[in-house]
Amino acid sequence: MKTRMGFLGAVLIIAWTFAVLAGEGFTGSWEAEIGLSPQQTQPFTAFQTTLDVGFHVGFVTAKSISDFVIDGWVWEELGLLADVGLLAFEGTLLYEPQSGSMVYAEGVLSLCYDPMVVSLYGAMRSATQTDSAKYGYVFDVKGVLNGGAFWFESATYLGADLSGITFTATGSTSDSTLLTKTFTTDPTIGSAMAMFSGEDVTFGGTLFGCVTLTSLTSFTEVGFESETMTVEFLGVLGLPLTFTLDLVYEIDQKSYVFTPSFETDYGCLSIYSNIVQSGSMMTGVEVYGIGASVTIWNATLQSISNLDTTQYVITTSEFGSTVELQVDADAEGHLYYPQNYWEVLTLVVNIPPLGSGFSFSVETCLSKSIGLLFEWAESTMGITLALGASVSTSTSISVDATGFTGWTLAFRVSW
């Protein structure tokens, strides 16, 4: 096991070194954010920065991503991309600088021949204090037919799947988003050996220009697991109305998820809902969230409402600004607002020229039973100034029921 991991690491490091020595096509970015909390005994409370450096040599691109927080250097990520058109390879190594150990390695080899893409994913997770090192592969075949009207994908899992794996840095007092790293291939779903562990087969298509049908059939190493049918009706009755119905069939049960949304030229209204069942009968529809977004000229107003704060949460913008189960958000590593926040209202105004102008935003959160008008919990106001495509700077302040709680300064430079 150590030999395999060491070999893959050596190949990537050697290739990365040669690309660096060549020194052609130098690119990169540096971004940093500083947070101040005036009410704290130590006003300087937050710091995070990322240095992303890349080198492009012919068809090969090498990169290094270094993440730092207030406690120090938390992650070092090395990557290699080689693309000759028909064949492409992308590899990633993740290191923990404090211990100098490699945490994770991933490689993707793809053969692209329109309209099909055949990919082999391979990943290794290093040994931990409680578990031995694990590795696995995924053989994935997908294609698009008839100009995108039909598509299919077959993913064979050999000790790994594509559900994603997240690593979180420990020993830090920071709550920075840089503490977590997420990758596509998860080699921890089975035993340490790369044996057959499942299969997902997906078929989809668009019918009559207004109905989209998707079928997902899942198997495990012991046989059939589930069948999920998703039917999406677009422009129902000629109106800008969209309905989505998910039917999930398992060996011993079936379930339904019903999501209607209303779309116009200006925005979209989404209703997060489930179909309530009593035995084998559908008895009603449970609505647990409402999302709305309206864009007029240079202003966008978004509202996300969580109608059941006992089970659901509102995720942050980095994770879709949706309403989802708290257990699902925790399992997927999604960041979300405090669970008692039932409403997040955001206004973003872009002042032209785009890319070289100002952007103003204000975010207001409403909570449950805190005794203030409209149950106001906190507001954050920010402004961003873009100096072309290479330099931008921003600042924001946060205010809650106790007063002025936070001031953030950030900048980004790219080359």
Protein backbone atom coordinates (compact mmCIF):
# COMPACT_ATOMS: atom_id res chain seq x y z
CA MET A 1 0.00 0.00 0.00
CA LYS A 2 2.75 2.44 0.99
CA THR A 3 4.61 1.54 -2.21
CA ARG A 4 1.61 2.45 -4.39
CA MET A 5 1.04 5.73 -2.58
CA GLY A 6 4.71 6.62 -2.64
CA PHE A 7 5.02 5.84 -6.35
CA LEU A 8 2.03 8.00 -7.28
CA GLY A 9 3.34 10.82 -5.10
CA ALA A 10 6.81 10.61 -6.64
CA VAL A 11 5.43 10.75 -10.20
CA LEU A 12 3.34 13.83 -9.48
CA ILE A 13 6.11 15.64 -7.61
CA ILE A 14 8.70 14.95 -10.34
CA ALA A 15 6.33 16.13 -13.07
CA TRP A 16 5.43 19.22 -11.04
CA THR A 17 9.13 20.01 -10.52
CA PHE A 18 9.96 19.77 -14.22
CA ALA A 19 7.06 22.10 -15.04
CA VAL A 20 8.29 24.61 -12.47
CA LEU A 21 11.83 24.53 -13.86
CA ALA A 22 10.56 25.20 -17.33
CA GLY A 23 8.91 28.41 -16.05
CA GLU A 24 6.64 29.06 -19.05
CA GLY A 25 3.12 30.40 -18.74
CA PHE A 26 3.34 31.65 -15.14
CA THR A 27 -0.12 32.25 -13.67
CA GLY A 28 -1.62 32.53 -10.23
CA SER A 29 -3.62 34.45 -7.67
CA TRP A 30 -3.35 35.62 -4.09
CA GLU A 31 -6.32 36.43 -1.92
CA ALA A 32 -6.49 37.31 1.75
CA GLU A 33 -9.16 38.19 4.29
CA ILE A 34 -8.80 39.79 7.72
CA GLY A 35 -11.58 39.86 10.32
CA LEU A 36 -11.93 42.23 13.28
CA SER A 37 -14.42 41.96 16.17
CA PRO A 38 -14.51 45.23 18.13
CA GLN A 39 -16.43 43.74 21.06
CA GLN A 40 -13.89 40.97 21.72
CA THR A 41 -10.93 41.29 24.08
CA GLN A 42 -8.74 40.34 21.12
CA PRO A 43 -10.15 42.43 18.24
CA PHE A 44 -8.06 40.60 15.60
CA THR A 45 -10.13 37.40 15.35
CA ALA A 46 -9.87 36.03 11.83
CA PHE A 47 -7.35 35.67 9.05
CA GLN A 48 -7.20 33.50 5.96
CA THR A 49 -5.21 33.61 2.75
CA THR A 50 -4.67 31.40 -0.28
CA LEU A 51 -1.74 31.48 -2.68
CA ASP A 52 -2.46 29.71 -5.97
CA VAL A 53 0.55 29.44 -8.32
CA GLY A 54 0.52 27.68 -11.67
CA PHE A 55 2.95 26.96 -14.51
CA HIS A 56 1.87 26.10 -18.04
CA VAL A 57 4.28 24.27 -20.35
CA GLY A 58 2.85 23.11 -23.66
CA PHE A 59 0.03 20.72 -22.85
CA VAL A 60 1.08 20.37 -19.19
CA THR A 61 -0.09 22.58 -16.31
CA ALA A 62 1.27 22.29 -12.78
CA LYS A 63 -0.15 24.10 -9.77
CA SER A 64 0.42 24.65 -6.08
CA ILE A 65 -2.31 25.85 -3.70
CA SER A 66 -1.29 26.89 -0.18
CA ASP A 67 -3.92 27.71 2.46
CA PHE A 68 -3.20 29.66 5.65
CA VAL A 69 -5.43 30.64 8.59
CA ILE A 70 -4.78 32.52 11.81
CA ASP A 71 -3.19 29.38 13.32
CA GLY A 72 -0.76 28.88 10.46
CA TRP A 73 -0.31 26.78 7.31
CA VAL A 74 -3.16 24.23 7.12
CA TRP A 75 -3.09 22.67 3.61
CA GLU A 76 -0.73 22.25 0.69
CA GLU A 77 -2.21 20.96 -2.56
CA LEU A 78 -0.14 19.99 -5.60
CA GLY A 79 -1.77 19.36 -8.94
CA LEU A 80 -0.86 18.27 -12.45
CA LEU A 81 -2.95 18.50 -15.62
CA ALA A 82 -1.89 17.08 -19.00
CA ASP A 83 -4.31 17.44 -21.91
CA VAL A 84 -3.57 16.44 -25.50
CA GLY A 85 -7.19 16.63 -26.64
CA LEU A 86 -8.04 12.96 -27.04
CA LEU A 87 -6.38 11.93 -23.78
CA ALA A 88 -6.20 13.90 -20.53
CA PHE A 89 -4.83 13.27 -17.04
CA GLU A 90 -5.44 15.27 -13.86
CA GLY A 91 -3.72 14.44 -10.58
CA THR A 92 -3.91 15.97 -7.10
CA LEU A 93 -1.90 15.48 -3.92
CA LEU A 94 -3.04 16.89 -0.56
CA TYR A 95 -0.52 17.38 2.24
CA GLU A 96 -0.85 18.40 5.87
CA PRO A 97 2.10 20.81 6.37
CA GLN A 98 2.16 20.59 10.17
CA SER A 99 3.00 16.88 10.11
CA GLY A 100 4.50 16.75 6.62
CA SER A 101 2.31 13.77 5.72
CA MET A 102 0.30 13.13 2.59
CA VAL A 103 -3.41 12.94 3.34
CA TYR A 104 -4.97 12.14 -0.03
CA ALA A 105 -4.10 11.45 -3.67
CA GLU A 106 -6.41 11.45 -6.68
CA GLY A 107 -5.86 10.83 -10.37
CA VAL A 108 -8.30 10.97 -13.30
CA LEU A 109 -7.41 9.57 -16.74
CA SER A 110 -9.94 10.47 -19.46
CA LEU A 111 -10.40 9.44 -23.07
CA CYS A 112 -12.56 11.96 -24.92
CA TYR A 113 -14.04 10.98 -28.25
CA ASP A 114 -17.17 12.93 -29.07
CA PRO A 115 -19.89 12.17 -28.10
CA MET A 116 -18.42 9.89 -25.38
CA VAL A 117 -16.04 10.31 -22.46
CA VAL A 118 -14.43 7.31 -20.77
CA SER A 119 -12.73 8.04 -17.44
CA LEU A 120 -10.83 6.09 -14.83
CA TYR A 121 -10.77 7.66 -11.36
CA GLY A 122 -8.25 6.47 -8.79
CA ALA A 123 -7.80 7.68 -5.22
CA MET A 124 -5.89 6.85 -2.05
CA ARG A 125 -6.52 8.01 1.49
CA SER A 126 -3.56 7.66 3.82
CA ALA A 127 -3.72 5.68 7.05
CA THR A 128 -5.21 7.29 10.16
CA GLN A 129 -4.91 6.47 13.85
CA THR A 130 -8.03 4.30 13.65
CA ASP A 131 -7.97 2.99 10.08
CA SER A 132 -5.51 1.65 7.54
CA ALA A 133 -4.82 3.30 4.19
CA LYS A 134 -7.52 2.77 1.55
CA TYR A 135 -7.60 3.03 -2.21
CA GLY A 136 -10.17 2.47 -4.93
CA TYR A 137 -11.16 3.13 -8.53
CA VAL A 138 -14.20 4.20 -10.53
CA PHE A 139 -14.69 3.34 -14.19
CA ASP A 140 -17.05 5.89 -15.71
CA VAL A 141 -18.55 6.00 -19.22
CA LYS A 142 -20.87 8.79 -20.32
CA GLY A 143 -22.15 10.20 -23.55
CA VAL A 144 -24.55 12.70 -25.09
CA LEU A 145 -26.67 11.81 -28.11
CA ASN A 146 -28.83 13.62 -30.63
CA GLY A 147 -27.43 17.05 -29.87
CA GLY A 148 -28.02 16.78 -26.13
CA ALA A 149 -31.56 15.44 -26.27
CA PHE A 150 -30.47 12.14 -24.66
CA TRP A 151 -27.62 11.26 -22.32
CA PHE A 152 -26.37 8.28 -20.36
CA GLU A 153 -23.73 7.43 -17.77
CA SER A 154 -22.47 4.20 -16.27
CA ALA A 155 -20.24 4.35 -13.19
CA THR A 156 -18.66 1.12 -11.89
CA TYR A 157 -17.33 1.37 -8.34
CA LEU A 158 -14.24 -0.62 -7.32
CA GLY A 159 -13.72 0.29 -3.69
CA ALA A 160 -14.54 3.94 -4.39
CA ASP A 161 -17.40 6.12 -5.63
CA LEU A 162 -17.92 9.70 -6.82
CA SER A 163 -19.94 10.94 -3.84
CA GLY A 164 -17.04 13.11 -2.67
CA ILE A 165 -14.76 13.04 0.35
CA THR A 166 -14.08 15.94 2.74
CA PHE A 167 -11.06 16.55 4.96
CA THR A 168 -11.15 19.01 7.87
CA ALA A 169 -8.03 20.43 9.48
CA THR A 170 -7.94 19.88 13.25
CA GLY A 171 -6.35 21.84 16.07
CA SER A 172 -7.40 25.24 14.73
CA THR A 173 -9.42 27.88 16.58
CA SER A 174 -10.57 29.37 13.27
CA ASP A 175 -13.94 28.77 11.61
CA SER A 176 -12.54 29.53 8.15
CA THR A 177 -13.90 27.74 5.10
CA LEU A 178 -10.28 26.93 4.19
CA LEU A 179 -10.19 24.31 6.96
CA THR A 180 -12.13 21.90 4.74
CA LYS A 181 -11.03 20.32 1.46
CA THR A 182 -13.46 18.32 -0.72
CA PHE A 183 -12.54 15.99 -3.59
CA THR A 184 -14.61 13.93 -6.03
CA THR A 185 -13.39 10.35 -5.50
CA ASP A 186 -14.10 8.68 -2.14
CA PRO A 187 -11.98 5.52 -1.62
CA THR A 188 -13.40 4.78 1.86
CA ILE A 189 -16.72 3.18 0.92
CA GLY A 190 -15.48 -0.40 1.15
CA SER A 191 -12.59 -2.47 2.37
CA ALA A 192 -8.94 -1.58 1.86
CA MET A 193 -8.92 -3.70 -1.31
CA ALA A 194 -10.28 -2.33 -4.60
CA MET A 195 -13.12 -4.82 -5.12
CA PHE A 196 -16.47 -4.36 -6.89
CA SER A 197 -18.68 -2.30 -4.59
CA GLY A 198 -21.52 -1.02 -6.78
CA GLU A 199 -22.81 0.42 -10.02
CA ASP A 200 -24.92 3.46 -11.00
CA VAL A 201 -26.58 3.57 -14.42
CA THR A 202 -28.23 6.81 -15.53
CA PHE A 203 -30.36 7.48 -18.59
CA GLY A 204 -32.02 10.79 -19.41
CA GLY A 205 -33.74 12.65 -22.19
CA THR A 206 -35.98 15.53 -23.16
CA LEU A 207 -39.33 14.73 -24.71
CA PHE A 208 -41.57 17.10 -26.70
CA GLY A 209 -39.30 19.98 -25.64
CA CYS A 210 -41.06 20.32 -22.28
CA VAL A 211 -40.60 17.07 -20.33
CA THR A 212 -37.29 15.83 -18.95
CA LEU A 213 -37.08 12.23 -17.73
CA THR A 214 -34.09 10.86 -15.80
CA SER A 215 -33.64 7.29 -14.56
CA LEU A 216 -30.98 6.27 -12.01
CA THR A 217 -30.55 2.57 -11.23
CA SER A 218 -28.21 1.73 -8.34
CA PHE A 219 -26.62 -1.60 -7.47
CA THR A 220 -24.42 -2.68 -4.57
CA GLU A 221 -22.08 -5.65 -4.35
CA VAL A 222 -25.05 -7.82 -3.31
CA GLY A 223 -27.43 -6.70 -6.07
CA PHE A 224 -30.20 -4.18 -6.77
CA GLU A 225 -30.46 -1.25 -4.35
CA SER A 226 -32.84 1.40 -5.74
CA GLU A 227 -34.43 2.98 -8.79
CA THR A 228 -34.97 6.75 -8.91
CA MET A 229 -37.19 8.34 -11.56
CA THR A 230 -37.15 12.12 -11.95
CA VAL A 231 -39.77 13.79 -14.15
CA GLU A 232 -39.54 17.53 -14.80
CA PHE A 233 -42.34 19.37 -16.57
CA LEU A 234 -41.24 22.67 -18.15
CA GLY A 235 -43.66 25.44 -19.10
CA VAL A 236 -46.80 23.70 -17.85
CA LEU A 237 -49.94 24.87 -19.71
CA GLY A 238 -47.83 27.40 -21.56
CA LEU A 239 -47.00 29.23 -18.31
CA PRO A 240 -43.50 29.82 -16.86
CA LEU A 241 -44.18 27.02 -14.36
CA THR A 242 -41.88 24.05 -13.67
CA PHE A 243 -42.74 20.89 -11.70
CA THR A 244 -40.22 18.28 -10.59
CA LEU A 245 -41.26 14.88 -9.20
CA ASP A 246 -38.79 12.33 -7.81
CA LEU A 247 -39.95 8.73 -7.33
CA VAL A 248 -37.55 6.49 -5.39
CA TYR A 249 -38.12 2.72 -5.40
CA GLU A 250 -36.12 0.54 -3.03
CA ILE A 251 -36.32 -3.15 -2.22
CA ASP A 252 -38.80 -2.70 0.62
CA GLN A 253 -40.25 0.81 0.18
CA LYS A 254 -40.86 3.76 -2.15
CA SER A 255 -40.89 7.51 -1.59
CA TYR A 256 -41.74 10.71 -3.44
CA VAL A 257 -40.27 14.21 -3.55
CA PHE A 258 -42.24 16.97 -5.27
CA THR A 259 -40.59 20.35 -6.09
CA PRO A 260 -42.59 22.96 -8.01
CA SER A 261 -40.95 26.20 -9.16
CA PHE A 262 -42.16 29.31 -10.96
CA GLU A 263 -39.84 30.99 -13.46
CA THR A 264 -40.18 34.33 -15.26
CA ASP A 265 -37.94 36.60 -17.28
CA TYR A 266 -37.02 38.38 -14.05
CA GLY A 267 -36.56 35.62 -11.50
CA CYS A 268 -37.52 32.27 -10.07
CA LEU A 269 -39.70 30.99 -7.22
CA SER A 270 -38.87 27.53 -5.83
CA ILE A 271 -40.90 25.55 -3.32
CA TYR A 272 -39.04 22.84 -1.38
CA SER A 273 -41.49 20.08 -0.56
CA ASN A 274 -42.07 16.39 0.10
CA ILE A 275 -45.11 14.24 -0.55
CA VAL A 276 -46.62 12.98 2.72
CA GLN A 277 -47.47 9.28 2.76
CA SER A 278 -49.67 7.11 4.93
CA GLY A 279 -48.73 3.53 4.18
CA SER A 280 -48.92 3.23 0.40
CA MET A 281 -51.19 6.28 0.04
CA MET A 282 -50.15 9.87 -0.68
CA THR A 283 -52.07 12.09 1.74
CA GLY A 284 -50.64 15.55 1.12
CA VAL A 285 -47.68 17.79 0.37
CA GLU A 286 -45.28 19.04 3.03
CA VAL A 287 -43.67 22.40 2.23
CA TYR A 288 -40.50 23.02 4.25
CA GLY A 289 -38.88 25.89 2.36
CA ILE A 290 -39.38 28.66 -0.20
CA GLY A 291 -36.73 30.30 -2.36
CA ALA A 292 -37.17 33.35 -4.56
CA SER A 293 -34.79 35.34 -6.74
CA VAL A 294 -35.57 38.47 -8.77
CA THR A 295 -33.16 40.39 -11.01
CA ILE A 296 -34.06 43.83 -12.31
CA TRP A 297 -31.40 45.74 -14.23
CA ASN A 298 -28.24 45.58 -12.07
CA ALA A 299 -29.93 44.51 -8.82
CA THR A 300 -30.66 40.97 -7.60
CA LEU A 301 -32.91 40.27 -4.61
CA GLN A 302 -32.87 36.76 -3.15
CA SER A 303 -35.00 35.35 -0.35
CA ILE A 304 -34.58 31.91 1.26
CA SER A 305 -37.15 30.81 3.86
CA ASN A 306 -36.83 27.76 6.11
CA LEU A 307 -40.29 26.78 7.34
CA ASP A 308 -39.10 23.93 9.59
CA THR A 309 -36.07 24.94 11.64
CA THR A 310 -36.27 21.78 13.76
CA GLN A 311 -34.93 19.61 10.92
CA TYR A 312 -33.79 21.88 8.09
CA VAL A 313 -31.13 24.59 7.63
CA ILE A 314 -30.29 27.27 5.07
CA THR A 315 -26.94 26.68 3.39
CA THR A 316 -24.53 29.51 2.60
CA SER A 317 -24.08 30.87 -0.91
CA GLU A 318 -20.96 28.71 -1.44
CA PHE A 319 -23.24 25.66 -1.10
CA GLY A 320 -26.19 26.77 -3.16
CA SER A 321 -28.31 28.91 -0.77
CA THR A 322 -30.87 26.13 -0.45
CA VAL A 323 -32.97 24.57 2.30
CA GLU A 324 -31.88 21.05 3.19
CA LEU A 325 -31.91 18.60 6.07
CA GLN A 326 -29.35 19.41 8.75
CA VAL A 327 -28.17 15.78 8.80
CA ASP A 328 -27.58 15.92 5.04
CA ALA A 329 -25.69 19.22 5.32
CA ASP A 330 -23.47 17.78 8.05
CA ALA A 331 -22.83 14.60 6.06
CA GLU A 332 -21.91 16.53 2.89
CA GLY A 333 -19.77 19.10 4.71
CA HIS A 334 -22.04 21.99 3.71
CA LEU A 335 -21.77 25.23 5.68
CA TYR A 336 -25.06 26.73 6.85
CA TYR A 337 -26.49 29.54 8.94
CA PRO A 338 -27.48 28.94 12.59
CA GLN A 339 -30.38 26.51 12.60
CA ASN A 340 -32.77 28.99 14.22
CA TYR A 341 -32.42 31.35 11.22
CA TRP A 342 -35.64 30.93 9.24
CA GLU A 343 -35.07 33.70 6.65
CA VAL A 344 -32.02 35.01 4.76
CA LEU A 345 -32.66 38.05 2.56
CA THR A 346 -29.88 39.25 0.23
CA LEU A 347 -29.65 42.25 -2.08
CA VAL A 348 -26.73 42.67 -4.51
CA VAL A 349 -26.37 45.77 -6.69
CA ASN A 350 -23.68 45.97 -9.40
CA ILE A 351 -22.69 49.47 -10.47
CA PRO A 352 -21.27 49.45 -14.03
CA PRO A 353 -18.98 49.07 -15.76
CA LEU A 354 -19.02 45.40 -14.85
CA GLY A 355 -15.57 44.11 -13.93
CA SER A 356 -14.26 47.59 -13.17
CA GLY A 357 -16.97 49.07 -10.96
CA PHE A 358 -18.60 48.80 -7.57
CA SER A 359 -20.71 46.01 -6.12
CA PHE A 360 -22.83 46.60 -3.02
CA SER A 361 -24.51 43.85 -0.98
CA VAL A 362 -26.60 43.61 2.15
CA GLU A 363 -27.65 40.38 3.85
CA THR A 364 -30.26 40.29 6.60
CA CYS A 365 -31.07 37.20 8.69
CA LEU A 366 -34.26 36.64 10.68
CA SER A 367 -34.37 34.28 13.63
CA LYS A 368 -36.94 32.54 15.80
CA SER A 369 -38.40 34.22 18.90
CA ILE A 370 -35.68 36.67 19.85
CA GLY A 371 -38.15 39.46 20.69
CA LEU A 372 -37.00 42.07 18.15
CA LEU A 373 -39.03 43.67 15.39
CA PHE A 374 -39.47 41.20 12.51
CA GLU A 375 -37.31 38.77 14.58
CA TRP A 376 -34.18 40.44 13.15
CA ALA A 377 -30.99 38.55 14.01
CA GLU A 378 -28.14 40.18 12.10
CA SER A 379 -27.19 42.12 8.98
CA THR A 380 -23.99 42.24 6.96
CA MET A 381 -23.28 45.07 4.51
CA GLY A 382 -20.38 45.01 2.08
CA ILE A 383 -18.88 46.78 -0.90
CA THR A 384 -16.44 45.49 -3.53
CA LEU A 385 -14.28 47.54 -5.87
CA ALA A 386 -12.90 45.82 -8.98
CA LEU A 387 -9.91 47.41 -10.70
CA GLY A 388 -10.11 45.50 -13.96
CA ALA A 389 -9.91 41.72 -13.99
CA SER A 390 -6.69 41.46 -11.97
CA VAL A 391 -7.29 43.36 -8.73
CA SER A 392 -10.28 43.62 -6.43
CA THR A 393 -10.79 44.71 -2.84
CA SER A 394 -13.77 44.53 -0.53
CA THR A 395 -14.91 45.38 2.96
CA SER A 396 -17.96 44.48 5.03
CA ILE A 397 -19.40 45.08 8.48
CA SER A 398 -21.74 42.92 10.56
CA VAL A 399 -24.29 44.11 13.11
CA ASP A 400 -26.53 42.05 15.41
CA ALA A 401 -28.64 42.66 18.52
CA THR A 402 -25.52 43.36 20.60
CA GLY A 403 -24.19 46.02 18.21
CA PHE A 404 -21.18 46.22 15.87
CA THR A 405 -19.77 42.67 15.82
CA GLY A 406 -17.46 42.33 12.85
CA TRP A 407 -15.42 44.15 10.21
CA THR A 408 -13.84 42.28 7.31
CA LEU A 409 -11.20 43.47 4.86
CA ALA A 410 -10.30 41.40 1.81
CA PHE A 411 -8.41 41.67 -1.47
CA ARG A 412 -7.58 39.50 -4.45
CA VAL A 413 -4.80 39.80 -7.03
CA SER A 414 -4.45 37.54 -10.08
CA TRP A 415 -1.91 37.34 -12.87
